Amino acid sequence: MSLKAQITQDMKTAMKEKQPERLGTIRLLLAAIKQREVDERIELDDDAITAVIEKMLKQRKDSIEQYAAAKREDLADVERAEVVVLKEYMPQPLSEAEVAAAVDAAIATHGTTPAAMGKIMAELKPKLAGRADMAEVSKLVKARMA
């Protein structure tokens, strides 16, 4: 079953089981997917849907930080609940050891010159996207190259 079909099925289940918070989050996700499909005039595959979910998770993370800074825990709690639902559709995250092994392999292939940083990240992004925080991967690459 494709990821989009799974999300649609979960929306129907949330409707039947009267879970308004979960339903709202799933509807937001489907709207974001549909918007991207309309904008780009394509049918999104699972990888593209994962990218949409990653973007939504990043937005929620930023919102939680802003709400916490403004001492609006009620709004931060709503965002945290959305994060829990969205994370259900993300692939299983890689362990730190698996990420480190992929980084070491890419560095061994491309070397440790500053110019190799772009090549290393270009190799790692398709392998690790959705399964590791790419900002953390970038920091790890910089640390290993130093």
Protein backbone atom coordinates (compact mmCIF):
# COMPACT_ATOMS: atom_id res chain seq x y z
CA MET A 1 0.00 0.00 0.00
CA SER A 2 1.38 3.41 -0.92
CA LEU A 3 1.96 6.02 1.75
CA LYS A 4 -0.77 8.25 0.34
CA ALA A 5 -3.27 5.37 0.41
CA GLN A 6 -2.26 4.60 4.00
CA ILE A 7 -2.81 8.23 5.02
CA THR A 8 -6.22 8.27 3.34
CA GLN A 9 -7.17 5.02 5.05
CA ASP A 10 -6.07 6.43 8.42
CA MET A 11 -8.21 9.52 7.80
CA LYS A 12 -11.27 7.32 7.28
CA THR A 13 -10.45 5.38 10.45
CA ALA A 14 -10.04 8.60 12.45
CA MET A 15 -13.45 9.75 11.19
CA LYS A 16 -15.12 6.48 12.17
CA GLU A 17 -13.48 6.41 15.59
CA LYS A 18 -14.26 10.10 16.21
CA GLN A 19 -10.68 11.27 16.80
CA PRO A 20 -10.91 14.98 15.91
CA GLU A 21 -7.30 15.94 16.72
CA ARG A 22 -5.84 13.08 14.69
CA LEU A 23 -8.31 13.71 11.87
CA GLY A 24 -7.36 17.38 11.72
CA THR A 25 -3.66 16.59 11.45
CA ILE A 26 -4.21 13.98 8.74
CA ARG A 27 -6.37 16.41 6.79
CA LEU A 28 -3.61 19.04 7.01
CA LEU A 29 -1.14 16.49 5.68
CA LEU A 30 -3.39 15.46 2.79
CA ALA A 31 -4.00 19.13 1.96
CA ALA A 32 -0.24 19.77 1.84
CA ILE A 33 0.26 16.74 -0.40
CA LYS A 34 -2.57 17.79 -2.70
CA GLN A 35 -1.27 21.37 -2.85
CA ARG A 36 2.17 20.18 -3.95
CA GLU A 37 0.62 17.85 -6.54
CA VAL A 38 -1.45 20.70 -7.97
CA ASP A 39 1.46 23.16 -7.93
CA GLU A 40 3.84 20.79 -9.69
CA ARG A 41 1.19 18.97 -11.77
CA ILE A 42 2.51 15.56 -10.76
CA GLU A 43 1.46 12.58 -8.66
CA LEU A 44 3.71 12.42 -5.60
CA ASP A 45 5.48 9.16 -4.82
CA ASP A 46 6.33 7.97 -1.31
CA ASP A 47 9.69 9.78 -1.24
CA ALA A 48 8.08 13.09 -2.18
CA ILE A 49 5.37 12.58 0.42
CA THR A 50 8.07 11.89 3.01
CA ALA A 51 9.67 15.22 2.04
CA VAL A 52 6.31 16.96 2.60
CA ILE A 53 6.02 15.33 6.02
CA GLU A 54 9.60 16.36 6.89
CA LYS A 55 8.77 19.95 6.01
CA MET A 56 5.64 19.85 8.15
CA LEU A 57 7.60 18.36 11.06
CA LYS A 58 10.19 21.13 10.79
CA GLN A 59 7.42 23.74 10.80
CA ARG A 60 5.90 22.16 13.91
CA LYS A 61 9.27 22.07 15.64
CA ASP A 62 9.80 25.77 14.95
CA SER A 63 6.28 26.57 16.16
CA ILE A 64 6.80 24.63 19.39
CA GLU A 65 9.97 26.62 20.09
CA GLN A 66 8.18 29.91 19.42
CA TYR A 67 5.19 29.00 21.58
CA ALA A 68 7.41 27.80 24.40
CA ALA A 69 9.39 31.05 24.27
CA ALA A 70 6.11 32.99 24.48
CA LYS A 71 4.94 30.77 27.38
CA ARG A 72 1.98 29.46 25.38
CA GLU A 73 2.15 25.82 26.39
CA ASP A 74 -1.44 25.25 25.30
CA LEU A 75 -0.53 26.00 21.69
CA ALA A 76 2.77 24.12 21.97
CA ASP A 77 0.86 21.04 23.17
CA VAL A 78 -1.35 21.13 20.06
CA GLU A 79 1.76 21.24 17.86
CA ARG A 80 3.35 18.37 19.82
CA ALA A 81 0.24 16.26 19.26
CA GLU A 82 0.49 16.96 15.51
CA VAL A 83 4.16 15.92 15.55
CA VAL A 84 3.22 12.56 17.08
CA VAL A 85 0.70 11.89 14.28
CA LEU A 86 3.06 13.03 11.51
CA LYS A 87 5.96 10.91 12.79
CA GLU A 88 3.83 7.78 12.29
CA TYR A 89 4.26 8.21 8.53
CA MET A 90 8.04 8.69 8.58
CA PRO A 91 10.38 5.76 7.87
CA GLN A 92 12.23 4.12 10.75
CA PRO A 93 15.08 6.46 11.79
CA LEU A 94 18.65 5.26 11.49
CA SER A 95 20.80 4.79 14.56
CA GLU A 96 23.77 7.06 15.19
CA ALA A 97 26.13 4.21 14.29
CA GLU A 98 24.41 3.66 10.92
CA VAL A 99 24.57 7.38 10.12
CA ALA A 100 28.23 7.53 11.15
CA ALA A 101 29.02 4.52 8.96
CA ALA A 102 27.34 6.15 5.93
CA VAL A 103 29.23 9.41 6.58
CA ASP A 104 32.55 7.58 6.90
CA ALA A 105 31.94 5.68 3.66
CA ALA A 106 31.10 8.89 1.79
CA ILE A 107 34.18 10.66 3.16
CA ALA A 108 36.35 7.70 2.16
CA THR A 109 34.96 7.94 -1.37
CA HIS A 110 35.25 11.71 -1.85
CA GLY A 111 38.09 12.74 0.47
CA THR A 112 38.32 15.47 3.10
CA THR A 113 38.84 18.58 1.01
CA PRO A 114 36.42 21.48 1.52
CA ALA A 115 35.27 21.05 -2.09
CA ALA A 116 34.23 17.47 -1.34
CA MET A 117 31.62 18.61 1.23
CA GLY A 118 29.00 19.21 -1.47
CA LYS A 119 29.66 15.87 -3.13
CA ILE A 120 29.46 14.06 0.19
CA MET A 121 26.15 15.69 1.12
CA ALA A 122 24.78 15.04 -2.39
CA GLU A 123 25.60 11.35 -1.94
CA LEU A 124 24.18 11.14 1.58
CA LYS A 125 20.92 13.05 1.07
CA PRO A 126 19.09 10.40 -1.00
CA LYS A 127 20.32 7.63 1.30
CA LEU A 128 19.46 9.31 4.60
CA ALA A 129 16.56 11.64 3.76
CA GLY A 130 13.65 11.01 6.06
CA ARG A 131 15.67 8.64 8.20
CA ALA A 132 18.15 11.11 9.74
CA ASP A 133 18.21 14.83 10.49
CA MET A 134 20.26 16.23 7.61
CA ALA A 135 21.41 19.22 9.69
CA GLU A 136 22.95 16.79 12.18
CA VAL A 137 24.46 14.77 9.33
CA SER A 138 26.05 17.95 7.96
CA LYS A 139 27.54 18.74 11.38
CA LEU A 140 28.89 15.20 11.62
CA VAL A 141 30.46 15.45 8.15
CA LYS A 142 32.14 18.75 9.05
CA ALA A 143 33.43 17.29 12.30
CA ARG A 144 34.82 14.20 10.59
CA MET A 145 36.47 16.25 7.84
CA ALA A 146 38.25 18.56 10.32
